[in-house]
């Protein structure tokens, strides 16, 4: 298999893993291929953001801003199967535990508890309200940038922490992520953010990144104090908080102009 085919398969595997879109990946699954796909998370995030942005643009041709944002949010949930939202909700539930082992047990439980329901509801409501507060012409560009950059944030969490479970889907990723993959993921996310700045206003780039970083650090501070590392659910939580942080940063930046 040539290098171009391997990279295409890694990208398709990332699409298959992060979305419900029907893609087929050739060859035999391996841990090496699972690790290789991680560098494409931000690119897949940009595709998800573009899909959500397209739904917003089409909906806003007919419906009010608020309804268009809700439909766009629903589109992203359908596209991803609420993968990261589920992880965020599990982290909220887990942090209601009293110690590390209890937290890990709660997060492994597929049932959703009170903390998870409350946290997820507040997360989605805040995202929607933040987007509704923005000018409509920035929303599609922001969706692309935030979905890409927030997945770069998750890759950064993988590279700068360690996986705390003995076994799990994220184990080979945690053990074999290379510097080149991290740099590619960060560059992809940054390119999407710069695209937002070019399309709308360069002044919002640093504030958006500050918001993203604040979201990243806030949730990492909570789960790492309890667990000493991360789980797959924690990566979903990082993505969600980073995405929300970027929305809030841009809202704050535009409100101050």
Protein backbone atom coordinates (compact mmCIF):
# COMPACT_ATOMS: atom_id res chain seq x y z
CA UNK A 1 0.00 0.00 0.00
CA UNK A 2 1.52 3.34 -1.02
CA UNK A 3 1.80 6.33 1.30
CA UNK A 4 -1.04 8.28 -0.31
CA UNK A 5 -3.40 5.34 0.09
CA UNK A 6 -2.40 4.90 3.73
CA UNK A 7 -3.11 8.55 4.46
CA UNK A 8 -6.46 8.41 2.68
CA UNK A 9 -7.41 5.34 4.68
CA UNK A 10 -6.37 7.10 7.91
CA UNK A 11 -8.60 10.04 7.00
CA UNK A 12 -11.52 7.76 6.13
CA UNK A 13 -11.04 5.86 9.37
CA UNK A 14 -11.20 9.17 11.27
CA UNK A 15 -14.44 10.01 9.45
CA UNK A 16 -15.81 6.57 10.29
CA UNK A 17 -14.83 6.93 13.95
CA UNK A 18 -16.04 10.51 14.54
CA UNK A 19 -19.20 10.55 12.42
CA UNK A 20 -22.14 8.47 11.27
CA UNK A 21 -21.34 9.18 7.63
CA UNK A 22 -21.22 5.98 5.55
CA UNK A 23 -17.58 5.53 4.52
CA UNK A 24 -15.66 2.34 3.80
CA UNK A 25 -12.03 1.78 4.73
CA UNK A 26 -9.96 -0.78 2.83
CA UNK A 27 -7.61 -3.24 4.43
CA UNK A 28 -7.44 -4.83 7.87
CA UNK A 29 -7.99 -2.84 11.05
CA UNK A 30 -4.91 -2.44 13.26
CA UNK A 31 -3.81 -0.39 16.25
CA UNK A 32 -1.31 1.43 14.05
CA UNK A 33 -4.10 2.61 11.75
CA UNK A 34 -6.15 3.69 14.77
CA UNK A 35 -3.26 5.83 15.94
CA UNK A 36 -2.64 7.26 12.45
CA UNK A 37 -6.20 8.55 12.16
CA UNK A 38 -5.87 10.90 15.16
CA UNK A 39 -4.00 13.56 13.21
CA UNK A 40 -7.04 13.91 10.98
CA UNK A 41 -9.50 14.63 13.80
CA UNK A 42 -9.39 18.42 13.23
CA UNK A 43 -9.89 18.00 9.48
CA UNK A 44 -12.92 15.82 10.10
CA UNK A 45 -14.05 18.43 12.61
CA UNK A 46 -13.85 21.07 9.89
CA UNK A 47 -16.03 18.88 7.65
CA UNK A 48 -18.57 18.48 10.46
CA UNK A 49 -18.52 22.25 11.03
CA UNK A 50 -18.98 22.87 7.30
CA UNK A 51 -21.95 20.51 7.27
CA UNK A 52 -23.51 22.26 10.27
CA UNK A 53 -22.72 25.65 8.75
CA UNK A 54 -24.38 24.65 5.48
CA UNK A 55 -27.50 23.57 7.34
CA UNK A 56 -27.51 26.89 9.20
CA UNK A 57 -27.14 28.90 5.98
CA UNK A 58 -29.95 27.03 4.22
CA UNK A 59 -32.25 27.15 7.25
CA UNK A 60 -31.65 30.87 7.75
CA UNK A 61 -32.91 31.52 4.23
CA UNK A 62 -36.34 30.49 5.51
CA UNK A 63 -36.36 30.55 9.30
CA UNK A 64 -35.38 33.04 12.04
CA UNK A 65 -31.83 33.02 13.40
CA UNK A 66 -32.70 31.09 16.55
CA UNK A 67 -34.41 28.25 14.70
CA UNK A 68 -31.59 28.07 12.15
CA UNK A 69 -29.06 27.66 14.98
CA UNK A 70 -31.13 24.91 16.60
CA UNK A 71 -31.40 23.04 13.29
CA UNK A 72 -27.67 23.45 12.72
CA UNK A 73 -26.94 22.08 16.19
CA UNK A 74 -29.26 19.15 15.54
CA UNK A 75 -27.47 18.48 12.25
CA UNK A 76 -24.09 18.27 13.99
CA UNK A 77 -25.52 15.90 16.62
CA UNK A 78 -26.94 13.65 13.92
CA UNK A 79 -23.67 13.75 11.94
CA UNK A 80 -21.56 12.68 14.93
CA UNK A 81 -24.07 10.51 16.77
CA UNK A 82 -23.55 12.91 19.72
CA UNK A 83 -20.21 11.16 20.31
CA UNK A 84 -18.49 14.01 22.16
CA UNK A 85 -21.65 15.17 23.89
CA UNK A 86 -22.00 11.68 25.34
CA UNK A 87 -18.43 11.86 26.62
CA UNK A 88 -19.02 15.27 28.19
CA UNK A 89 -22.17 14.00 29.94
CA UNK A 90 -20.28 10.97 31.27
CA UNK A 91 -17.56 13.23 32.66
CA UNK A 92 -20.20 15.35 34.40
CA UNK A 93 -21.68 12.22 35.95
CA UNK A 94 -18.26 10.85 36.88
CA UNK A 95 -17.14 13.99 38.65
CA UNK A 96 -20.08 13.49 40.99
CA UNK A 97 -18.23 10.44 42.34
CA UNK A 98 -16.31 10.56 45.58
CA UNK A 99 -12.95 9.11 44.48
CA UNK A 100 -10.95 7.98 41.44
CA UNK A 101 -12.26 4.43 41.22
CA UNK A 102 -15.86 5.50 41.74
CA UNK A 103 -15.46 8.16 39.07
CA UNK A 104 -14.07 5.65 36.55
CA UNK A 105 -16.88 3.20 37.31
CA UNK A 106 -19.56 5.86 36.84
CA UNK A 107 -18.03 7.03 33.56
CA UNK A 108 -18.03 3.47 32.22
CA UNK A 109 -21.75 3.11 32.99
CA UNK A 110 -23.77 3.81 29.83
CA UNK A 111 -26.71 5.14 31.83
CA UNK A 112 -27.03 8.91 32.16
CA UNK A 113 -27.38 10.44 35.62
CA UNK A 114 -28.57 13.76 36.97
CA UNK A 115 -25.21 15.51 36.64
CA UNK A 116 -24.87 14.32 33.06
CA UNK A 117 -28.35 15.47 32.07
CA UNK A 118 -27.89 18.85 33.74
CA UNK A 119 -24.42 19.38 32.31
CA UNK A 120 -25.36 18.40 28.77
CA UNK A 121 -28.51 20.52 28.85
CA UNK A 122 -26.58 23.58 29.99
CA UNK A 123 -23.84 22.93 27.43
CA UNK A 124 -26.24 22.74 24.48
CA UNK A 125 -28.29 25.71 25.69
CA UNK A 126 -25.19 27.88 26.11
CA UNK A 127 -23.87 26.92 22.67
CA UNK A 128 -27.17 27.80 21.03
CA UNK A 129 -27.54 31.10 22.89
CA UNK A 130 -23.95 32.07 22.08
CA UNK A 131 -24.44 31.44 18.36
CA UNK A 132 -27.78 33.25 18.33
CA UNK A 133 -26.03 36.28 19.84
CA UNK A 134 -23.70 36.55 16.84
CA UNK A 135 -24.20 38.17 13.44
CA UNK A 136 -25.58 35.54 11.09
CA UNK A 137 -22.79 35.92 8.53
CA UNK A 138 -20.10 34.77 10.96
CA UNK A 139 -21.87 31.62 12.17
CA UNK A 140 -20.94 29.22 9.30
CA UNK A 141 -17.29 30.27 9.44
CA UNK A 142 -17.22 29.99 13.23
CA UNK A 143 -18.73 26.52 13.14
CA UNK A 144 -15.96 25.30 10.85
CA UNK A 145 -13.24 26.93 12.98
CA UNK A 146 -14.61 25.80 16.34
CA UNK A 147 -15.28 22.21 15.32
CA UNK A 148 -11.78 21.90 13.86
CA UNK A 149 -9.89 23.70 16.63
CA UNK A 150 -11.74 21.92 19.43
CA UNK A 151 -10.66 18.57 18.00
CA UNK A 152 -7.08 19.86 17.88
CA UNK A 153 -7.61 20.57 21.56
CA UNK A 154 -8.55 16.93 22.14
CA UNK A 155 -5.44 15.73 20.29
CA UNK A 156 -3.34 18.04 22.47
CA UNK A 157 -4.91 16.45 25.56
CA UNK A 158 -3.87 13.02 24.27
CA UNK A 159 -0.31 14.18 23.64
CA UNK A 160 0.21 15.96 26.97
CA UNK A 161 -1.46 13.55 29.40
CA UNK A 162 -1.80 9.79 29.79
CA UNK A 163 -4.60 7.30 29.46
CA UNK A 164 -5.68 5.99 32.86
CA UNK A 165 -7.54 2.79 31.96
CA UNK A 166 -5.67 -0.48 31.57
CA UNK A 167 -7.55 -1.27 28.36
CA UNK A 168 -9.81 0.69 26.05
CA UNK A 169 -10.29 2.04 22.54
CA UNK A 170 -7.99 4.99 23.26
CA UNK A 171 -5.08 2.86 24.53
CA UNK A 172 -3.19 2.46 21.21
CA UNK A 173 -3.78 6.12 20.40
CA UNK A 174 -2.39 7.21 23.75
CA UNK A 175 0.69 5.03 23.39
CA UNK A 176 1.68 5.77 19.79
CA UNK A 177 0.72 9.38 18.96
CA UNK A 178 3.81 10.96 17.41
CA UNK A 179 5.00 14.57 17.38
CA UNK A 180 4.35 14.86 13.65
CA UNK A 181 0.74 13.81 14.13
CA UNK A 182 0.27 16.34 16.91
CA UNK A 183 1.79 19.15 14.87
CA UNK A 184 -0.37 18.30 11.85
CA UNK A 185 -3.50 18.29 14.02
CA UNK A 186 -2.62 21.62 15.65
CA UNK A 187 -1.79 23.18 12.27
CA UNK A 188 -5.11 22.02 10.81
CA UNK A 189 -7.06 23.54 13.68
CA UNK A 190 -5.09 26.79 13.48
CA UNK A 191 -5.66 27.00 9.73
CA UNK A 192 -9.41 26.79 10.31
CA UNK A 193 -9.23 29.55 12.92
CA UNK A 194 -7.17 31.74 10.58
CA UNK A 195 -9.78 31.11 7.89
CA UNK A 196 -12.38 32.54 10.27
CA UNK A 197 -10.22 35.61 10.79
CA UNK A 198 -9.72 36.15 7.06
CA UNK A 199 -13.42 35.66 6.34
CA UNK A 200 -14.65 37.93 9.11
CA UNK A 201 -12.16 39.81 11.30
CA UNK A 202 -8.61 39.03 12.33
CA UNK A 203 -9.15 40.68 15.71
CA UNK A 204 -11.35 37.81 16.88
CA UNK A 205 -8.66 35.16 16.36
CA UNK A 206 -6.74 35.69 19.63
CA UNK A 207 -9.88 36.09 21.74
CA UNK A 208 -11.41 32.99 20.19
CA UNK A 209 -8.24 31.03 20.96
CA UNK A 210 -8.19 32.35 24.51
CA UNK A 211 -11.76 31.13 24.97
CA UNK A 212 -10.85 27.74 23.50
CA UNK A 213 -7.83 27.45 25.81
CA UNK A 214 -9.93 28.43 28.82
CA UNK A 215 -12.44 25.68 28.05
CA UNK A 216 -9.64 23.16 27.54
CA UNK A 217 -7.92 24.01 30.81
CA UNK A 218 -11.13 24.23 32.84
CA UNK A 219 -12.29 20.70 32.17
CA UNK A 220 -8.79 19.22 32.25
CA UNK A 221 -8.27 20.79 35.64
CA UNK A 222 -11.39 19.05 36.92
CA UNK A 223 -10.87 15.54 35.59
CA UNK A 224 -7.07 15.38 35.95
CA UNK A 225 -7.24 16.31 39.63
CA UNK A 226 -9.56 13.36 40.14
CA UNK A 227 -8.12 10.81 37.70
CA UNK A 228 -4.49 11.80 37.18
CA UNK A 229 -4.99 11.48 33.42
CA UNK A 230 -7.78 11.03 30.88
CA UNK A 231 -10.24 8.53 29.42
CA UNK A 232 -12.03 8.56 26.07
CA UNK A 233 -14.96 10.32 27.71
CA UNK A 234 -12.63 13.05 28.94
CA UNK A 235 -11.53 13.74 25.36
CA UNK A 236 -15.17 14.28 24.44
CA UNK A 237 -15.44 16.66 27.36
CA UNK A 238 -12.35 18.58 26.21
CA UNK A 239 -13.79 18.91 22.70
CA UNK A 240 -17.11 20.21 23.97
CA UNK A 241 -15.66 22.70 26.44
CA UNK A 242 -13.10 23.95 23.91
CA UNK A 243 -15.80 24.45 21.29
CA UNK A 244 -18.01 26.30 23.74
CA UNK A 245 -15.09 28.39 24.98
CA UNK A 246 -14.35 29.54 21.44
CA UNK A 247 -17.97 30.55 20.87
CA UNK A 248 -17.98 32.56 24.10
CA UNK A 249 -14.65 34.18 23.26
CA UNK A 250 -15.93 35.34 19.87
CA UNK A 251 -19.19 36.59 21.38
CA UNK A 252 -17.20 38.58 23.93
CA UNK A 253 -14.84 39.95 21.29
CA UNK A 254 -17.62 41.16 19.02
CA UNK A 255 -19.58 42.61 21.94
CA UNK A 256 -16.59 44.78 22.85
CA UNK A 257 -16.08 46.16 19.33
